[in-house]
Amino acid sequence: MSGVQRTLSCLTLPCRALVWTVAAVVLVATGACGSPDSASEATAAQSDLRPPITAVSHEPSTPTRVVIDGQSAPTQAVATDAQGTLLPPTDVAQLGWWVDSALPGSGAGTIVIAGHVDDVAQGTGYAARFGKLTPRSTVTIDTADGGHRAYRVARVVDAQKKGTGGDAVPFDELNRLDGPETLALVTCGGPFVGPPLGYRDNIVVFATPD
C-alpha cells in the first residue's frame, strides 16, 4: 500500500502514511474528528462521526480486542477510503485496527489501532484511556486465534496534527512494516479547536512486546 496517504483516527499520515480523523486514531492531522455543532462546542466533544471503511482479515493474529487495566474494547479491521482516510468505528466503545498495518506477533512493523476519544451523544470513548497511559503500563491484544499478546508502553507522544518539527505526528513510525514490532494506539487530544481538525492533537502511545 505504498505511495498512499492515510488518515487515521484524526491522524493524517503522508506517503504510505495514515491520516487519522479520529478521535480517530489515528485518525490524525488533516481529518476532522467529527463536525462540531452548538452542543459539541459547549461540551468540547466531537459529533457527526463518519463511518469507517470496514475490512476483512483472515489472518489468525488479527486483533479482536484491546484490554487496558481490565477494561476491554472490541476491535474491528478498518481500511482507508479513496482519499486515504482511516476512520475508527463510530461506536466510541470500539476500536479499529488498520488492516494495512502490522499484525501482533509478526515480529516486525507497527500495529496501528485507533479509536475516538469521545462523542457528544455517546460520551467518553474507550480511546480516552490512551492519553492516561504511562511508560511501563501494560496493554493486551486479543487475537482471532484466541491468542493474547502483551505490550509494555514505551512512550506517549502528544503531537500537533499540523506540526512540522519536533511536535509533528511521527508518521514514519506509524507506517513502518519493518524494524522492531511495535504497537501504536492513536486517538485525538489536546484542545478542541473545531473544524476542520476537531481536536488539535493526536495522542500516540507506542508499546513494545512484553
Protein backbone atom coordinates (compact mmCIF):
# COMPACT_ATOMS: atom_id res chain seq x y z
CA MET A 1 0.00 0.00 0.00
CA SER A 2 2.95 2.29 -0.58
CA GLY A 3 2.56 5.75 -2.03
CA VAL A 4 -0.87 6.27 -0.47
CA GLN A 5 -1.75 8.85 2.11
CA ARG A 6 -3.74 7.57 5.08
CA THR A 7 -5.87 9.41 7.58
CA LEU A 8 -6.41 7.62 10.83
CA SER A 9 -8.32 8.47 13.89
CA CYS A 10 -7.92 12.10 13.31
CA LEU A 11 -4.47 11.16 12.10
CA THR A 12 -3.13 12.12 8.72
CA LEU A 13 -0.10 10.23 7.52
CA PRO A 14 1.81 11.06 4.35
CA CYS A 15 3.07 8.57 1.77
CA ARG A 16 2.21 5.09 2.99
CA ALA A 17 1.10 7.12 5.89
CA LEU A 18 -2.11 7.12 7.77
CA VAL A 19 -4.25 10.10 8.22
CA TRP A 20 -6.38 9.95 11.26
CA THR A 21 -9.54 11.89 11.55
CA VAL A 22 -10.35 10.04 14.62
CA ALA A 23 -10.59 10.65 17.69
CA ALA A 24 -9.91 8.61 15.31
CA VAL A 25 -6.76 7.14 15.57
CA VAL A 26 -5.44 7.66 14.47
CA LEU A 27 -7.10 9.47 12.90
CA VAL A 28 -4.66 12.49 12.68
CA ALA A 29 -3.74 15.59 11.01
CA THR A 30 -5.94 16.91 8.28
CA GLY A 31 -9.04 14.95 9.05
CA ALA A 32 -11.68 16.27 11.37
CA CYS A 33 -12.63 14.39 14.49
CA GLY A 34 -16.30 14.93 13.95
CA SER A 35 -18.05 18.11 12.93
CA PRO A 36 -18.80 20.40 15.84
CA ASP A 37 -22.23 21.92 16.37
CA SER A 38 -23.55 24.10 19.17
CA ALA A 39 -23.68 21.11 21.51
CA SER A 40 -20.17 19.93 20.75
CA GLU A 41 -18.75 23.41 21.08
CA ALA A 42 -20.33 23.68 24.50
CA THR A 43 -19.04 20.31 25.66
CA ALA A 44 -15.73 20.33 23.73
CA ALA A 45 -16.64 16.98 22.21
CA GLN A 46 -16.96 15.84 18.62
CA SER A 47 -20.13 14.92 16.78
CA ASP A 48 -21.35 13.54 13.45
CA LEU A 49 -18.70 10.82 13.35
CA ARG A 50 -18.11 9.40 9.88
CA PRO A 51 -18.40 5.62 9.49
CA PRO A 52 -15.22 3.65 8.81
CA ILE A 53 -14.35 1.61 5.73
CA THR A 54 -14.66 -1.90 7.12
CA ALA A 55 -12.21 -4.57 6.03
CA VAL A 56 -11.82 -8.33 6.25
CA SER A 57 -8.73 -10.09 7.54
CA HIS A 58 -8.35 -13.86 7.57
CA GLU A 59 -5.03 -13.72 9.42
CA PRO A 60 -5.12 -15.78 12.64
CA SER A 61 -3.43 -12.98 14.57
CA THR A 62 -5.92 -10.29 13.56
CA PRO A 63 -6.62 -8.10 16.63
CA THR A 64 -10.13 -8.61 18.01
CA ARG A 65 -9.94 -6.89 21.39
CA VAL A 66 -7.76 -4.46 23.34
CA VAL A 67 -7.51 -4.75 27.12
CA ILE A 68 -6.24 -1.96 29.37
CA ASP A 69 -6.46 -2.15 33.17
CA GLY A 70 -9.01 -4.94 32.95
CA GLN A 71 -11.34 -2.97 30.67
CA SER A 72 -11.67 -4.14 27.06
CA ALA A 73 -12.87 -2.84 23.71
CA PRO A 74 -13.86 -4.89 20.64
CA THR A 75 -11.56 -4.19 17.73
CA GLN A 76 -12.51 -4.48 14.07
CA ALA A 77 -10.46 -4.27 10.90
CA VAL A 78 -10.75 -0.96 9.06
CA ALA A 79 -9.24 0.33 5.83
CA THR A 80 -8.62 3.70 4.22
CA ASP A 81 -11.01 5.27 1.77
CA ALA A 82 -10.15 6.59 -1.70
CA GLN A 83 -8.74 9.77 -0.15
CA GLY A 84 -6.52 7.81 2.23
CA THR A 85 -8.64 8.48 5.31
CA LEU A 86 -8.78 5.84 8.01
CA LEU A 87 -11.64 6.21 10.46
CA PRO A 88 -12.36 4.11 13.55
CA PRO A 89 -15.82 2.69 14.36
CA THR A 90 -18.45 5.33 15.13
CA ASP A 91 -19.25 3.41 18.32
CA VAL A 92 -16.76 5.06 20.66
CA ALA A 93 -16.69 1.92 22.80
CA GLN A 94 -14.95 0.12 19.92
CA LEU A 95 -11.57 0.45 18.21
CA GLY A 96 -10.29 0.00 14.67
CA TRP A 97 -7.17 -1.90 13.61
CA TRP A 98 -5.66 -0.59 10.36
CA VAL A 99 -5.73 -3.65 8.13
CA ASP A 100 -2.65 -2.49 6.20
CA SER A 101 -0.51 -2.17 9.33
CA ALA A 102 1.44 -4.94 11.04
CA LEU A 103 -0.02 -7.93 12.91
CA PRO A 104 0.53 -8.80 16.56
CA GLY A 105 3.28 -11.37 16.91
CA SER A 106 4.65 -10.75 13.43
CA GLY A 107 7.96 -9.62 14.87
CA ALA A 108 8.20 -6.53 12.68
CA GLY A 109 6.41 -3.29 11.87
CA THR A 110 3.90 -1.09 13.66
CA ILE A 111 0.45 -2.38 14.65
CA VAL A 112 -1.89 0.63 14.39
CA ILE A 113 -5.09 0.70 16.44
CA ALA A 114 -7.24 3.83 16.63
CA GLY A 115 -10.33 4.98 18.44
CA HIS A 116 -12.49 8.04 19.04
CA VAL A 117 -11.84 9.92 22.25
CA ASP A 118 -15.46 11.00 22.64
CA ASP A 119 -18.76 11.88 21.01
CA VAL A 120 -21.40 14.42 22.01
CA ALA A 121 -24.17 11.80 22.14
CA GLN A 122 -22.16 8.80 23.36
CA GLY A 123 -19.85 10.46 25.85
CA THR A 124 -16.27 9.44 26.55
CA GLY A 125 -14.75 6.81 24.25
CA TYR A 126 -12.60 3.85 25.20
CA ALA A 127 -9.64 5.51 23.48
CA ALA A 128 -9.67 8.29 26.08
CA ARG A 129 -7.63 5.79 28.14
CA PHE A 130 -4.74 6.11 25.71
CA GLY A 131 -3.72 9.54 26.91
CA LYS A 132 -3.66 8.34 30.52
CA LEU A 133 -1.19 5.54 29.89
CA THR A 134 2.34 5.97 31.19
CA PRO A 135 5.64 4.20 30.46
CA ARG A 136 5.57 0.62 31.77
CA SER A 137 1.75 0.40 31.53
CA THR A 138 0.57 -2.87 30.01
CA VAL A 139 -1.75 -3.28 27.02
CA THR A 140 -3.03 -6.71 25.90
CA ILE A 141 -4.21 -7.51 22.39
CA ASP A 142 -6.52 -10.50 21.94
CA THR A 143 -6.34 -12.10 18.51
CA ALA A 144 -8.69 -14.11 16.29
CA ASP A 145 -6.89 -17.37 17.04
CA GLY A 146 -7.50 -16.99 20.78
CA GLY A 147 -4.05 -15.62 21.47
CA HIS A 148 -3.13 -12.85 23.90
CA ARG A 149 -0.23 -10.53 23.18
CA ALA A 150 1.06 -8.26 25.94
CA TYR A 151 2.79 -4.95 25.22
CA ARG A 152 4.57 -2.56 27.56
CA VAL A 153 4.19 1.19 26.95
CA ALA A 154 7.49 2.78 26.00
CA ARG A 155 6.38 6.36 25.42
CA VAL A 156 3.34 8.57 24.87
CA VAL A 157 3.52 11.25 22.19
CA ASP A 158 1.24 14.30 22.15
CA ALA A 159 1.72 15.63 18.61
CA GLN A 160 0.07 18.51 16.81
CA LYS A 161 -1.78 17.44 13.66
CA LYS A 162 -0.36 20.44 11.84
CA GLY A 163 3.05 20.27 13.49
CA THR A 164 6.08 20.42 11.24
CA GLY A 165 9.03 19.93 13.58
CA GLY A 166 9.52 18.07 16.82
CA ASP A 167 5.82 18.49 17.60
CA ALA A 168 4.70 16.73 14.39
CA VAL A 169 2.92 13.37 14.27
CA PRO A 170 5.53 10.57 13.89
CA PHE A 171 4.19 9.31 10.57
CA ASP A 172 7.32 7.36 9.68
CA GLU A 173 6.96 5.23 12.79
CA LEU A 174 3.25 4.68 12.26
CA ASN A 175 3.81 3.49 8.70
CA ARG A 176 6.62 1.02 9.40
CA LEU A 177 6.24 -2.54 8.14
CA ASP A 178 9.82 -3.43 9.09
CA GLY A 179 12.01 -2.89 12.11
CA PRO A 180 11.03 -3.93 15.66
CA GLU A 181 7.43 -4.95 16.33
CA THR A 182 5.64 -2.00 17.94
CA LEU A 183 2.05 -1.31 18.97
CA ALA A 184 0.71 2.20 18.30
CA LEU A 185 -2.55 3.31 19.92
CA VAL A 186 -3.87 6.50 18.36
CA THR A 187 -6.61 8.94 19.27
CA CYS A 188 -7.26 12.69 19.33
CA GLY A 189 -6.19 15.00 22.13
CA GLY A 190 -5.23 18.49 23.11
CA PRO A 191 -7.72 21.37 22.97
CA PHE A 192 -10.91 21.11 20.93
CA VAL A 193 -10.46 23.66 18.14
CA GLY A 194 -13.46 22.93 15.92
CA PRO A 195 -13.40 22.25 12.18
CA PRO A 196 -11.57 21.03 10.28
CA LEU A 197 -9.31 19.40 12.88
CA GLY A 198 -11.72 18.84 15.75
CA TYR A 199 -9.01 18.29 18.34
CA ARG A 200 -5.68 19.99 17.76
CA ASP A 201 -3.50 16.99 18.58
CA ASN A 202 -3.07 13.28 18.13
CA ILE A 203 -2.11 11.16 21.10
CA VAL A 204 0.10 8.24 20.01
CA VAL A 205 1.05 5.55 22.53
CA PHE A 206 3.98 3.34 21.49
CA ALA A 207 4.39 -0.02 23.20
CA THR A 208 6.73 -2.96 22.66
CA PRO A 209 6.18 -6.70 23.19
CA ASP A 210 6.36 -7.56 26.88
